[in-house]
Structure formats: structure tokens, C-alpha cells
Amino acid sequence: MVHFDTPYATVTWKEDIQAVFVEWKGFAQGEDYRMPYEKGLELLVQKKARKWLLDSRMTSVIHADDQVWIAQDFNPRNHAAGMRYIAAVTPEKVIGRTSARKAVAAARDTVEFVFENFESMEEAERWLSEVD
């Protein structure tokens, strides 16, 4: 079931692994970047979930303001709502990989959670199905 859809990202619920799933379709910044996360948080709360699956293969750079927002605003709220595990399929572009690493490092400074990067959706889903 699609919970939220834009030209930049689609947010759905993955029943089989009990996870919020965000599929990024390309570059987004500001509200276009933040809204899929906000809608995913709504879904996390609704489902009383603990897991996120991010398909970041099509993303590129994460704008500096959005990195700060993720670390200082979103992730503390996400963690307070129950998030404990994030599996991400790494961006195909090198600049996307570098930007994602910076965003994760900043987020880990604000809350404690388990974050793993994977090269394929299958690996990411397998890992999430094994954590509680």
C-alpha cells in the first residue's frame, strides 16, 4: 500500500519485514526531501514499528541543510517514536555515497540506532527480517 508518493520518493509499508519503506527516485532538497521522511514517521507511529528500509540507489547529494535537519530534528523524533534499525541500499553515484555517509555520521551523534548499508535490496530486507 502506497502511503505517500511524489516525483522524488514513494513511502510504503513492507508488511513482510514490518518496516517503513522509502524508495528515492532522485535528487530532492528542502520540503521535497523532508516530506517523505515525515510521512514515513507517520507510518512508523501508526504501525508501532522499529525499522526503516531506504532504497537510496537513485539519490545523489544530500543538501547540507537537510543533513542538519535529519540529525538534529528528524532523527530524535523518529527515535522517540520507536525507530531502532535502518537498512539503506547505497546510492549508485559516488557523490551520493559520500553525502549519505556524512548524514548518517551526524545522525548517530544525536540518537542511538543501528544503521547498515547494503548493495542490494535483497540483502537489506534479509537483514531487517532478522532484527527485532
N, C-alpha and C. Protein backbone atom coordinates (compact mmCIF):
# COMPACT_ATOMS: atom_id res chain seq x y z
N MET A 1 0.83 -1.17 0.00
CA MET A 1 0.00 0.00 0.00
C MET A 1 0.88 1.25 0.00
N VAL A 2 0.64 2.15 -0.93
CA VAL A 2 1.38 3.41 -1.01
C VAL A 2 0.79 4.38 0.01
N HIS A 3 1.63 4.86 0.90
CA HIS A 3 1.22 5.81 1.92
C HIS A 3 1.40 7.26 1.44
N PHE A 4 2.44 7.46 0.61
CA PHE A 4 2.77 8.81 0.13
C PHE A 4 3.61 8.66 -1.13
N ASP A 5 3.33 9.52 -2.13
CA ASP A 5 4.07 9.41 -3.39
C ASP A 5 4.29 10.79 -3.98
N THR A 6 5.53 11.05 -4.40
CA THR A 6 5.90 12.29 -5.08
C THR A 6 6.82 11.92 -6.24
N PRO A 7 7.18 12.90 -7.05
CA PRO A 7 8.17 12.60 -8.10
C PRO A 7 9.54 12.24 -7.53
N TYR A 8 9.77 12.51 -6.23
CA TYR A 8 11.08 12.29 -5.61
C TYR A 8 11.17 11.00 -4.82
N ALA A 9 10.06 10.58 -4.21
CA ALA A 9 10.09 9.40 -3.34
C ALA A 9 8.70 8.81 -3.16
N THR A 10 8.69 7.52 -2.87
CA THR A 10 7.46 6.81 -2.53
C THR A 10 7.64 6.19 -1.16
N VAL A 11 6.63 6.32 -0.31
CA VAL A 11 6.66 5.76 1.03
C VAL A 11 5.58 4.68 1.12
N THR A 12 6.00 3.47 1.50
CA THR A 12 5.06 2.36 1.65
C THR A 12 5.39 1.59 2.93
N TRP A 13 4.53 0.64 3.24
CA TRP A 13 4.73 -0.25 4.38
C TRP A 13 5.10 -1.61 3.85
N LYS A 14 6.21 -2.18 4.34
CA LYS A 14 6.65 -3.53 3.96
C LYS A 14 6.18 -4.48 5.06
N GLU A 15 5.04 -5.08 4.86
CA GLU A 15 4.43 -5.95 5.87
C GLU A 15 5.33 -7.13 6.21
N ASP A 16 5.96 -7.73 5.21
CA ASP A 16 6.76 -8.94 5.43
C ASP A 16 7.93 -8.72 6.38
N ILE A 17 8.47 -7.50 6.43
CA ILE A 17 9.59 -7.22 7.33
C ILE A 17 9.24 -6.17 8.38
N GLN A 18 7.97 -5.76 8.40
CA GLN A 18 7.48 -4.79 9.39
C GLN A 18 8.32 -3.51 9.38
N ALA A 19 8.45 -2.90 8.20
CA ALA A 19 9.30 -1.72 8.06
C ALA A 19 8.66 -0.65 7.18
N VAL A 20 8.97 0.59 7.51
CA VAL A 20 8.66 1.71 6.64
C VAL A 20 9.65 1.63 5.48
N PHE A 21 9.15 1.77 4.26
CA PHE A 21 9.99 1.68 3.08
C PHE A 21 9.93 2.99 2.30
N VAL A 22 11.09 3.63 2.13
CA VAL A 22 11.18 4.85 1.33
C VAL A 22 12.04 4.54 0.11
N GLU A 23 11.43 4.65 -1.05
CA GLU A 23 12.15 4.46 -2.31
C GLU A 23 12.40 5.84 -2.92
N TRP A 24 13.66 6.24 -2.93
CA TRP A 24 14.04 7.52 -3.51
C TRP A 24 14.15 7.38 -5.01
N LYS A 25 13.58 8.37 -5.73
CA LYS A 25 13.57 8.35 -7.20
C LYS A 25 14.62 9.29 -7.80
N GLY A 26 15.21 10.13 -6.97
CA GLY A 26 16.19 11.09 -7.47
C GLY A 26 16.46 12.17 -6.44
N PHE A 27 17.14 13.20 -6.89
CA PHE A 27 17.54 14.29 -6.01
C PHE A 27 16.33 15.07 -5.50
N ALA A 28 16.37 15.41 -4.23
CA ALA A 28 15.36 16.27 -3.62
C ALA A 28 16.04 17.08 -2.52
N GLN A 29 15.50 18.24 -2.24
CA GLN A 29 16.01 19.04 -1.12
C GLN A 29 14.86 19.81 -0.49
N GLY A 30 15.10 20.30 0.70
CA GLY A 30 14.09 21.08 1.41
C GLY A 30 12.85 20.25 1.66
N GLU A 31 11.69 20.85 1.45
CA GLU A 31 10.42 20.16 1.70
C GLU A 31 10.28 18.89 0.87
N ASP A 32 10.79 18.89 -0.35
CA ASP A 32 10.70 17.69 -1.19
C ASP A 32 11.50 16.54 -0.60
N TYR A 33 12.56 16.84 0.10
CA TYR A 33 13.38 15.82 0.77
C TYR A 33 12.77 15.42 2.11
N ARG A 34 12.27 16.38 2.83
CA ARG A 34 11.81 16.13 4.20
C ARG A 34 10.44 15.46 4.28
N MET A 35 9.55 15.80 3.36
CA MET A 35 8.18 15.29 3.45
C MET A 35 8.11 13.76 3.40
N PRO A 36 8.86 13.06 2.55
CA PRO A 36 8.79 11.59 2.60
C PRO A 36 9.20 11.03 3.97
N TYR A 37 10.17 11.65 4.61
CA TYR A 37 10.55 11.22 5.95
C TYR A 37 9.44 11.49 6.96
N GLU A 38 8.80 12.64 6.85
CA GLU A 38 7.69 12.96 7.76
C GLU A 38 6.54 11.97 7.58
N LYS A 39 6.23 11.65 6.33
CA LYS A 39 5.15 10.70 6.06
C LYS A 39 5.56 9.29 6.51
N GLY A 40 6.84 8.96 6.39
CA GLY A 40 7.32 7.69 6.90
C GLY A 40 7.22 7.61 8.41
N LEU A 41 7.49 8.72 9.08
CA LEU A 41 7.36 8.77 10.53
C LEU A 41 5.90 8.57 10.95
N GLU A 42 4.97 9.17 10.22
CA GLU A 42 3.55 8.93 10.49
C GLU A 42 3.24 7.43 10.42
N LEU A 43 3.77 6.78 9.41
CA LEU A 43 3.55 5.36 9.21
C LEU A 43 4.21 4.54 10.32
N LEU A 44 5.41 4.91 10.72
CA LEU A 44 6.11 4.24 11.82
C LEU A 44 5.27 4.27 13.10
N VAL A 45 4.72 5.44 13.39
CA VAL A 45 3.88 5.59 14.58
C VAL A 45 2.61 4.76 14.44
N GLN A 46 1.96 4.87 13.30
CA GLN A 46 0.71 4.13 13.06
C GLN A 46 0.90 2.63 13.22
N LYS A 47 2.01 2.10 12.71
CA LYS A 47 2.26 0.66 12.75
C LYS A 47 3.01 0.21 14.00
N LYS A 48 3.39 1.18 14.84
CA LYS A 48 4.19 0.88 16.04
C LYS A 48 5.44 0.08 15.67
N ALA A 49 6.12 0.59 14.67
CA ALA A 49 7.27 -0.12 14.08
C ALA A 49 8.59 0.38 14.65
N ARG A 50 9.66 -0.33 14.28
CA ARG A 50 11.02 0.00 14.74
C ARG A 50 12.03 0.06 13.59
N LYS A 51 11.57 -0.20 12.35
CA LYS A 51 12.50 -0.37 11.24
C LYS A 51 12.16 0.53 10.04
N TRP A 52 13.24 0.95 9.38
CA TRP A 52 13.14 1.69 8.12
C TRP A 52 13.98 0.96 7.08
N LEU A 53 13.49 0.95 5.86
CA LEU A 53 14.25 0.47 4.70
C LEU A 53 14.30 1.61 3.70
N LEU A 54 15.52 2.03 3.36
CA LEU A 54 15.71 3.15 2.42
C LEU A 54 16.36 2.63 1.16
N ASP A 55 15.69 2.80 0.04
CA ASP A 55 16.29 2.48 -1.25
C ASP A 55 16.85 3.79 -1.78
N SER A 56 18.14 3.98 -1.57
CA SER A 56 18.80 5.25 -1.90
C SER A 56 19.60 5.18 -3.19
N ARG A 57 19.40 4.14 -3.98
CA ARG A 57 20.22 3.95 -5.19
C ARG A 57 20.16 5.13 -6.14
N MET A 58 19.03 5.81 -6.24
CA MET A 58 18.86 6.89 -7.21
C MET A 58 19.16 8.28 -6.65
N THR A 59 19.59 8.35 -5.41
CA THR A 59 19.86 9.66 -4.81
C THR A 59 21.27 10.14 -5.15
N SER A 60 21.46 11.42 -4.96
CA SER A 60 22.79 11.99 -5.13
C SER A 60 23.15 12.72 -3.85
N VAL A 61 23.53 13.94 -3.94
CA VAL A 61 23.95 14.69 -2.76
C VAL A 61 22.75 15.02 -1.86
N ILE A 62 23.00 15.01 -0.56
CA ILE A 62 22.00 15.48 0.41
C ILE A 62 22.43 16.88 0.83
N HIS A 63 21.57 17.85 0.57
CA HIS A 63 21.88 19.24 0.87
C HIS A 63 22.27 19.40 2.34
N ALA A 64 23.22 20.29 2.62
CA ALA A 64 23.72 20.47 3.99
C ALA A 64 22.61 20.80 4.98
N ASP A 65 21.66 21.65 4.59
CA ASP A 65 20.55 21.98 5.48
C ASP A 65 19.71 20.75 5.82
N ASP A 66 19.54 19.87 4.83
CA ASP A 66 18.77 18.65 5.06
C ASP A 66 19.53 17.67 5.95
N GLN A 67 20.84 17.65 5.84
CA GLN A 67 21.64 16.80 6.73
C GLN A 67 21.48 17.26 8.19
N VAL A 68 21.51 18.56 8.40
CA VAL A 68 21.33 19.11 9.75
C VAL A 68 19.92 18.79 10.24
N TRP A 69 18.92 18.95 9.38
CA TRP A 69 17.54 18.66 9.76
C TRP A 69 17.38 17.19 10.17
N ILE A 70 17.94 16.28 9.39
CA ILE A 70 17.86 14.84 9.71
C ILE A 70 18.48 14.58 11.09
N ALA A 71 19.67 15.11 11.31
CA ALA A 71 20.41 14.83 12.55
C ALA A 71 19.76 15.47 13.77
N GLN A 72 19.40 16.74 13.67
CA GLN A 72 19.00 17.49 14.85
C GLN A 72 17.50 17.55 15.10
N ASP A 73 16.71 17.37 14.06
CA ASP A 73 15.26 17.49 14.19
C ASP A 73 14.58 16.13 13.98
N PHE A 74 14.76 15.56 12.81
CA PHE A 74 14.01 14.36 12.47
C PHE A 74 14.41 13.12 13.27
N ASN A 75 15.68 12.79 13.31
CA ASN A 75 16.08 11.54 13.97
C ASN A 75 15.74 11.49 15.46
N PRO A 76 15.86 12.57 16.21
CA PRO A 76 15.39 12.48 17.61
C PRO A 76 13.89 12.17 17.70
N ARG A 77 13.07 12.76 16.83
CA ARG A 77 11.64 12.46 16.83
C ARG A 77 11.38 11.03 16.36
N ASN A 78 12.11 10.60 15.35
CA ASN A 78 11.98 9.25 14.81
C ASN A 78 12.36 8.22 15.87
N HIS A 79 13.44 8.48 16.59
CA HIS A 79 13.88 7.58 17.65
C HIS A 79 12.86 7.54 18.79
N ALA A 80 12.37 8.69 19.18
CA ALA A 80 11.36 8.75 20.26
C ALA A 80 10.09 7.99 19.88
N ALA A 81 9.81 7.92 18.58
CA ALA A 81 8.62 7.19 18.10
C ALA A 81 8.85 5.69 18.02
N GLY A 82 10.11 5.24 18.16
CA GLY A 82 10.36 3.80 18.17
C GLY A 82 11.42 3.30 17.22
N MET A 83 11.91 4.12 16.30
CA MET A 83 12.90 3.67 15.33
C MET A 83 14.16 3.16 16.02
N ARG A 84 14.60 1.98 15.61
CA ARG A 84 15.83 1.41 16.14
C ARG A 84 16.76 0.87 15.06
N TYR A 85 16.21 0.54 13.87
CA TYR A 85 17.01 -0.07 12.80
C TYR A 85 16.73 0.62 11.48
N ILE A 86 17.82 0.91 10.77
CA ILE A 86 17.70 1.45 9.41
C ILE A 86 18.61 0.65 8.50
N ALA A 87 18.04 0.13 7.43
CA ALA A 87 18.81 -0.53 6.38
C ALA A 87 18.70 0.35 5.14
N ALA A 88 19.84 0.66 4.54
CA ALA A 88 19.85 1.51 3.35
C ALA A 88 20.59 0.82 2.22
N VAL A 89 20.00 0.86 1.05
CA VAL A 89 20.70 0.40 -0.15
C VAL A 89 21.46 1.61 -0.66
N THR A 90 22.77 1.46 -0.80
CA THR A 90 23.65 2.59 -1.06
C THR A 90 23.39 3.24 -2.42
N PRO A 91 23.60 4.55 -2.48
CA PRO A 91 23.45 5.27 -3.74
C PRO A 91 24.42 4.75 -4.80
N GLU A 92 23.98 4.78 -6.04
CA GLU A 92 24.84 4.33 -7.14
C GLU A 92 25.96 5.33 -7.42
N LYS A 93 25.68 6.63 -7.24
CA LYS A 93 26.67 7.67 -7.52
C LYS A 93 27.60 7.86 -6.33
N VAL A 94 28.88 8.06 -6.61
CA VAL A 94 29.88 8.25 -5.55
C VAL A 94 29.53 9.45 -4.68
N ILE A 95 29.09 10.54 -5.30
CA ILE A 95 28.74 11.73 -4.51
C ILE A 95 27.59 11.43 -3.56
N GLY A 96 26.67 10.59 -3.99
CA GLY A 96 25.56 10.19 -3.13
C GLY A 96 26.04 9.36 -1.95
N ARG A 97 26.98 8.47 -2.20
CA ARG A 97 27.53 7.63 -1.13
C ARG A 97 28.23 8.48 -0.08
N THR A 98 29.03 9.44 -0.54
CA THR A 98 29.76 10.32 0.36
C THR A 98 28.80 11.16 1.19
N SER A 99 27.81 11.72 0.54
CA SER A 99 26.82 12.55 1.22
C SER A 99 26.02 11.74 2.24
N ALA A 100 25.64 10.53 1.88
CA ALA A 100 24.88 9.67 2.80
C ALA A 100 25.72 9.32 4.03
N ARG A 101 27.00 9.03 3.84
CA ARG A 101 27.88 8.72 4.98
C ARG A 101 27.94 9.90 5.96
N LYS A 102 28.05 11.11 5.43
CA LYS A 102 28.09 12.30 6.29
C LYS A 102 26.78 12.47 7.06
N ALA A 103 25.66 12.25 6.39
CA ALA A 103 24.36 12.41 7.04
C ALA A 103 24.18 11.38 8.16
N VAL A 104 24.60 10.14 7.92
CA VAL A 104 24.47 9.09 8.93
C VAL A 104 25.38 9.39 10.12
N ALA A 105 26.61 9.83 9.86
CA ALA A 105 27.54 10.14 10.94
C ALA A 105 26.97 11.25 11.82
N ALA A 106 26.38 12.27 11.23
CA ALA A 106 25.79 13.36 12.00
C ALA A 106 24.59 12.87 12.80
N ALA A 107 23.78 12.01 12.21
CA ALA A 107 22.59 11.50 12.90
C ALA A 107 22.97 10.62 14.09
N ARG A 108 24.03 9.86 13.95
CA ARG A 108 24.47 8.99 15.06
C ARG A 108 24.95 9.79 16.26
N ASP A 109 25.29 11.04 16.05
CA ASP A 109 25.71 11.89 17.17
C ASP A 109 24.53 12.32 18.03
N THR A 110 23.31 12.20 17.51
CA THR A 110 22.14 12.69 18.24
C THR A 110 21.33 11.59 18.89
N VAL A 111 21.25 10.41 18.28
CA VAL A 111 20.48 9.30 18.85
C VAL A 111 21.22 7.98 18.57
N GLU A 112 20.88 6.97 19.36
CA GLU A 112 21.50 5.66 19.17
C GLU A 112 20.57 4.75 18.38
N PHE A 113 21.08 4.24 17.27
CA PHE A 113 20.32 3.31 16.44
C PHE A 113 21.30 2.48 15.63
N VAL A 114 20.81 1.41 15.04
CA VAL A 114 21.65 0.54 14.22
C VAL A 114 21.36 0.88 12.76
N PHE A 115 22.43 1.23 12.05
CA PHE A 115 22.32 1.59 10.64
C PHE A 115 23.26 0.71 9.85
N GLU A 116 22.75 0.07 8.80
CA GLU A 116 23.57 -0.78 7.94
C GLU A 116 23.34 -0.40 6.49
N ASN A 117 24.43 -0.36 5.72
CA ASN A 117 24.37 -0.14 4.28
C ASN A 117 24.46 -1.47 3.56
N PHE A 118 23.75 -1.56 2.44
CA PHE A 118 23.75 -2.78 1.63
C PHE A 118 23.85 -2.42 0.16
N GLU A 119 24.35 -3.35 -0.62
CA GLU A 119 24.47 -3.14 -2.06
C GLU A 119 23.20 -3.56 -2.81
N SER A 120 22.33 -4.34 -2.16
CA SER A 120 21.11 -4.79 -2.84
C SER A 120 19.92 -4.74 -1.89
N MET A 121 18.75 -4.65 -2.48
CA MET A 121 17.51 -4.68 -1.70
C MET A 121 17.37 -6.01 -0.97
N GLU A 122 17.74 -7.08 -1.63
CA GLU A 122 17.60 -8.41 -1.04
C GLU A 122 18.40 -8.51 0.26
N GLU A 123 19.64 -8.01 0.24
CA GLU A 123 20.48 -8.05 1.44
C GLU A 123 19.86 -7.20 2.56
N ALA A 124 19.40 -6.01 2.21
CA ALA A 124 18.81 -5.10 3.20
C ALA A 124 17.56 -5.71 3.82
N GLU A 125 16.70 -6.28 2.99
CA GLU A 125 15.47 -6.88 3.51
C GLU A 125 15.77 -8.10 4.36
N ARG A 126 16.74 -8.89 3.97
CA ARG A 126 17.12 -10.07 4.75
C ARG A 126 17.58 -9.65 6.15
N TRP A 127 18.45 -8.63 6.19
CA TRP A 127 18.95 -8.15 7.49
C TRP A 127 17.81 -7.65 8.36
N LEU A 128 16.92 -6.82 7.79
CA LEU A 128 15.80 -6.29 8.59
C LEU A 128 14.88 -7.40 9.07
N SER A 129 14.74 -8.46 8.29
CA SER A 129 13.87 -9.56 8.73
C SER A 129 14.48 -10.33 9.90
N GLU A 130 15.78 -10.17 10.12
CA GLU A 130 16.47 -10.90 11.19
C GLU A 130 16.59 -10.11 12.50
N VAL A 131 16.35 -8.80 12.45
CA VAL A 131 16.43 -8.00 13.67
C VAL A 131 15.03 -7.83 14.24
N ASP A 132 14.97 -7.59 15.58
CA ASP A 132 13.61 -7.50 16.14
C ASP A 132 13.14 -6.09 16.18
